[in-house]
Each structure stands twice: as structure tokens, then as C-alpha cells.
C-alpha atoms as a PDB file:
ATOM      1  CA  MET A   1       0.000   0.000   0.000  1.00  0.00           C
ATOM      2  CA  HIS A   2       1.280   3.474  -0.836  1.00  0.00           C
ATOM      3  CA  LYS A   3       2.360   5.932   1.815  1.00  0.00           C
ATOM      4  CA  LEU A   4      -0.289   8.498   0.829  1.00  0.00           C
ATOM      5  CA  ALA A   5      -3.059   5.896   1.058  1.00  0.00           C
ATOM      6  CA  ARG A   6      -1.876   4.881   4.547  1.00  0.00           C
ATOM      7  CA  LYS A   7      -1.907   8.509   5.678  1.00  0.00           C
ATOM      8  CA  ARG A   8      -5.456   9.007   4.384  1.00  0.00           C
ATOM      9  CA  ILE A   9      -6.653   5.911   6.217  1.00  0.00           C
ATOM     10  CA  ALA A  10      -4.876   7.076   9.376  1.00  0.00           C
ATOM     11  CA  GLU A  11      -6.581  10.492   9.135  1.00  0.00           C
ATOM     12  CA  LYS A  12      -9.997   8.839   8.781  1.00  0.00           C
ATOM     13  CA  ARG A  13      -9.339   6.605  11.781  1.00  0.00           C
ATOM     14  CA  ILE A  14      -8.191   9.547  13.907  1.00  0.00           C
ATOM     15  CA  LYS A  15     -11.341  11.512  13.067  1.00  0.00           C
ATOM     16  CA  ARG A  16     -13.528   8.518  13.797  1.00  0.00           C
ATOM     17  CA  LEU A  17     -11.797   7.830  17.123  1.00  0.00           C
ATOM     18  CA  PHE A  18     -12.293  11.430  18.256  1.00  0.00           C
ATOM     19  CA  LYS A  19     -15.977  11.315  17.292  1.00  0.00           C
ATOM     20  CA  GLU A  20     -16.355   8.096  19.304  1.00  0.00           C
ATOM     21  CA  ALA A  21     -14.517   9.722  22.219  1.00  0.00           C
ATOM     22  CA  GLU A  22     -16.973  12.616  22.130  1.00  0.00           C
ATOM     23  CA  LYS A  23     -19.923  10.222  22.051  1.00  0.00           C
ATOM     24  CA  ARG A  24     -18.584   8.233  25.029  1.00  0.00           C
ATOM     25  CA  ALA A  25     -17.862  11.430  26.981  1.00  0.00           C
ATOM     26  CA  ARG A  26     -21.525  12.429  26.621  1.00  0.00           C
ATOM     27  CA  GLN A  27     -22.448   9.009  28.053  1.00  0.00           C
ATOM     28  CA  GLU A  28     -20.285   9.700  31.142  1.00  0.00           C
ATOM     29  CA  ARG A  29     -17.680   7.094  30.102  1.00  0.00           C
ATOM     30  CA  LEU A  30     -14.533   9.207  30.295  1.00  0.00           C
ATOM     31  CA  GLU A  31     -12.097   6.311  30.708  1.00  0.00           C
ATOM     32  CA  LEU A  32     -13.215   4.899  27.350  1.00  0.00           C
ATOM     33  CA  SER A  33     -12.947   8.295  25.647  1.00  0.00           C
ATOM     34  CA  ASN A  34      -9.435   8.703  27.112  1.00  0.00           C
ATOM     35  CA  ARG A  35      -8.493   5.346  25.595  1.00  0.00           C
ATOM     36  CA  TYR A  36      -9.782   6.442  22.171  1.00  0.00           C
ATOM     37  CA  VAL A  37      -7.644   9.584  22.381  1.00  0.00           C
ATOM     38  CA  GLU A  38      -4.623   7.473  23.298  1.00  0.00           C
ATOM     39  CA  ILE A  39      -5.162   5.203  20.267  1.00  0.00           C
ATOM     40  CA  ALA A  40      -5.639   8.209  17.956  1.00  0.00           C
ATOM     41  CA  ARG A  41      -2.394   9.773  19.193  1.00  0.00           C
ATOM     42  CA  LYS A  42      -0.498   6.511  18.613  1.00  0.00           C
ATOM     43  CA  ILE A  43      -1.856   6.294  15.060  1.00  0.00           C
ATOM     44  CA  SER A  44      -0.852   9.896  14.359  1.00  0.00           C
ATOM     45  CA  MET A  45       2.672   9.302  15.652  1.00  0.00           C
ATOM     46  CA  LYS A  46       3.119   6.013  13.782  1.00  0.00           C
ATOM     47  CA  TYR A  47       1.996   7.363  10.396  1.00  0.00           C
ATOM     48  CA  LEU A  48       3.257  10.945  10.913  1.00  0.00           C
ATOM     49  CA  VAL A  49      -0.198  12.474  10.491  1.00  0.00           C
ATOM     50  CA  ARG A  50      -1.161  15.662  12.308  1.00  0.00           C
ATOM     51  CA  ILE A  51      -4.283  15.592  14.428  1.00  0.00           C
ATOM     52  CA  PRO A  52      -6.720  18.227  13.092  1.00  0.00           C
ATOM     53  CA  LYS A  53      -6.893  21.463  15.103  1.00  0.00           C
ATOM     54  CA  GLU A  54     -10.504  21.010  16.190  1.00  0.00           C
ATOM     55  CA  PHE A  55      -9.535  17.703  17.820  1.00  0.00           C
ATOM     56  CA  ARG A  56      -6.135  18.871  19.104  1.00  0.00           C
ATOM     57  CA  MET A  57      -7.852  21.338  21.425  1.00  0.00           C
ATOM     58  CA  LYS A  58     -10.084  18.625  22.912  1.00  0.00           C
ATOM     59  CA  TYR A  59      -7.470  16.591  24.766  1.00  0.00           C
ATOM     60  CA  CYS A  60      -4.721  17.277  27.285  1.00  0.00           C
ATOM     61  CA  LYS A  61      -1.283  16.837  25.760  1.00  0.00           C
ATOM     62  CA  LYS A  62       0.280  16.115  29.153  1.00  0.00           C
ATOM     63  CA  CYS A  63      -1.964  13.378  30.565  1.00  0.00           C
ATOM     64  CA  GLY A  64      -3.841  12.405  27.362  1.00  0.00           C
ATOM     65  CA  SER A  65      -7.351  12.745  28.788  1.00  0.00           C
ATOM     66  CA  TYR A  66     -10.298  13.844  26.669  1.00  0.00           C
ATOM     67  CA  LEU A  67     -11.405  17.258  27.946  1.00  0.00           C
ATOM     68  CA  VAL A  68     -15.050  17.800  28.850  1.00  0.00           C
ATOM     69  CA  PRO A  69     -15.830  21.323  30.120  1.00  0.00           C
ATOM     70  CA  GLY A  70     -17.203  21.213  33.646  1.00  0.00           C
ATOM     71  CA  LYS A  71     -16.179  17.594  34.235  1.00  0.00           C
ATOM     72  CA  ASN A  72     -12.395  17.468  33.929  1.00  0.00           C
ATOM     73  CA  CYS A  73     -11.413  20.875  32.535  1.00  0.00           C
ATOM     74  CA  ARG A  74     -12.016  24.548  33.224  1.00  0.00           C
ATOM     75  CA  ILE A  75     -12.325  27.141  30.446  1.00  0.00           C
ATOM     76  CA  ARG A  76     -11.756  30.844  31.089  1.00  0.00           C
ATOM     77  CA  LEU A  77     -11.296  33.941  28.937  1.00  0.00           C
ATOM     78  CA  GLN A  78      -8.356  36.218  29.813  1.00  0.00           C
ATOM     79  CA  LYS A  79      -6.996  39.157  27.815  1.00  0.00           C
ATOM     80  CA  HIS A  80      -7.567  37.882  24.262  1.00  0.00           C
ATOM     81  CA  LYS A  81      -6.872  34.251  25.220  1.00  0.00           C
ATOM     82  CA  VAL A  82      -8.918  31.151  25.901  1.00  0.00           C
ATOM     83  CA  VAL A  83      -7.354  29.406  28.920  1.00  0.00           C
ATOM     84  CA  ILE A  84      -8.100  25.684  29.290  1.00  0.00           C
ATOM     85  CA  THR A  85      -7.005  24.018  32.529  1.00  0.00           C
ATOM     86  CA  CYS A  86      -6.987  20.225  32.830  1.00  0.00           C
ATOM     87  CA  LEU A  87      -8.315  19.283  36.256  1.00  0.00           C
ATOM     88  CA  ASN A  88      -6.636  15.838  36.127  1.00  0.00           C
ATOM     89  CA  CYS A  89      -3.022  17.004  35.861  1.00  0.00           C
ATOM     90  CA  GLY A  90      -3.206  20.811  36.159  1.00  0.00           C
ATOM     91  CA  GLU A  91      -1.837  21.519  32.653  1.00  0.00           C
ATOM     92  CA  VAL A  92      -2.788  24.959  31.307  1.00  0.00           C
ATOM     93  CA  LYS A  93      -3.265  25.627  27.573  1.00  0.00           C
ATOM     94  CA  ARG A  94      -3.716  29.110  26.132  1.00  0.00           C
ATOM     95  CA  TYR A  95      -5.147  29.848  22.693  1.00  0.00           C
ATOM     96  CA  PRO A  96      -5.459  33.371  21.261  1.00  0.00           C
ATOM     97  CA  TYR A  97      -8.790  34.507  19.880  1.00  0.00           C
ATOM     98  CA  ILE A  98      -7.615  37.647  18.085  1.00  0.00           C
ATOM     99  CA  ARG A  99      -9.363  36.695  14.837  1.00  0.00           C
ATOM    100  CA  GLU A 100     -12.765  36.823  16.527  1.00  0.00           C
ATOM    101  CA  ILE A 101     -11.999  40.225  18.036  1.00  0.00           C
ATOM    102  CA  LYS A 102     -10.977  41.603  14.627  1.00  0.00           C
ATOM    103  CA  GLU A 103     -14.195  40.317  13.056  1.00  0.00           C
ATOM    104  CA  ARG A 104     -16.230  42.007  15.790  1.00  0.00           C
ATOM    105  CA  ARG A 105     -14.530  45.339  15.039  1.00  0.00           C
ATOM    106  CA  LYS A 106     -15.572  45.146  11.375  1.00  0.00           C
ATOM    107  CA  ILE A 107     -19.269  44.884  12.271  1.00  0.00           C
END
């Protein structure tokens, strides 16, 4: 099988695993959703495929747990940043939201 075909299959599997993780998190089964994230990360490392940005923000890079606001993570807004704190390990992630502020100015 060609390298490009393997990467496409890996991308599909990663997306599917994150969708399953989200479904299991809604059913209060966080340990299963954490396992799906772990498998998706292993696939991405093995086949050198980047995890899409919308999924990258949904798990803790330090402990590997799937983040569910209110259950195992805290989300705050501070000075043009979204601050996500993992309540399992205490890791803090900061994402800028400057684009949204610029769009608001145009209106």
C-alpha cells in the first residue's frame, strides 16, 4: 500500500476515534474516551499524520485525557486568550482569539 493511502486511512481513523470519544464522553464514560484519544495519538505518531486542530484542542497533551468542560477541565477567557485548565493534571493551555476580536470590530 502506498504511503499516501496509509496517511489518508490514518486520518480517517483519527477523526472517527475522536468522534467516538466525544460520544462516550456524553455518556459519562470518560475512561473509554481517554483510551480512544490514546489510540488516535499513537496512530498519528506512527503514520506521521497531524491531528486536526478542532480535535487537538479537545485533549490534554500532558496526561492524554479527553477534555469535557465542567467535568475534567475549566475554560476561562483572559486578555484575548482562551485558557483551558486540565483538572486531572493541572496543565494549562492558552489559545489566542484575536481573529474573533478583529471580526467584531468590522461589524
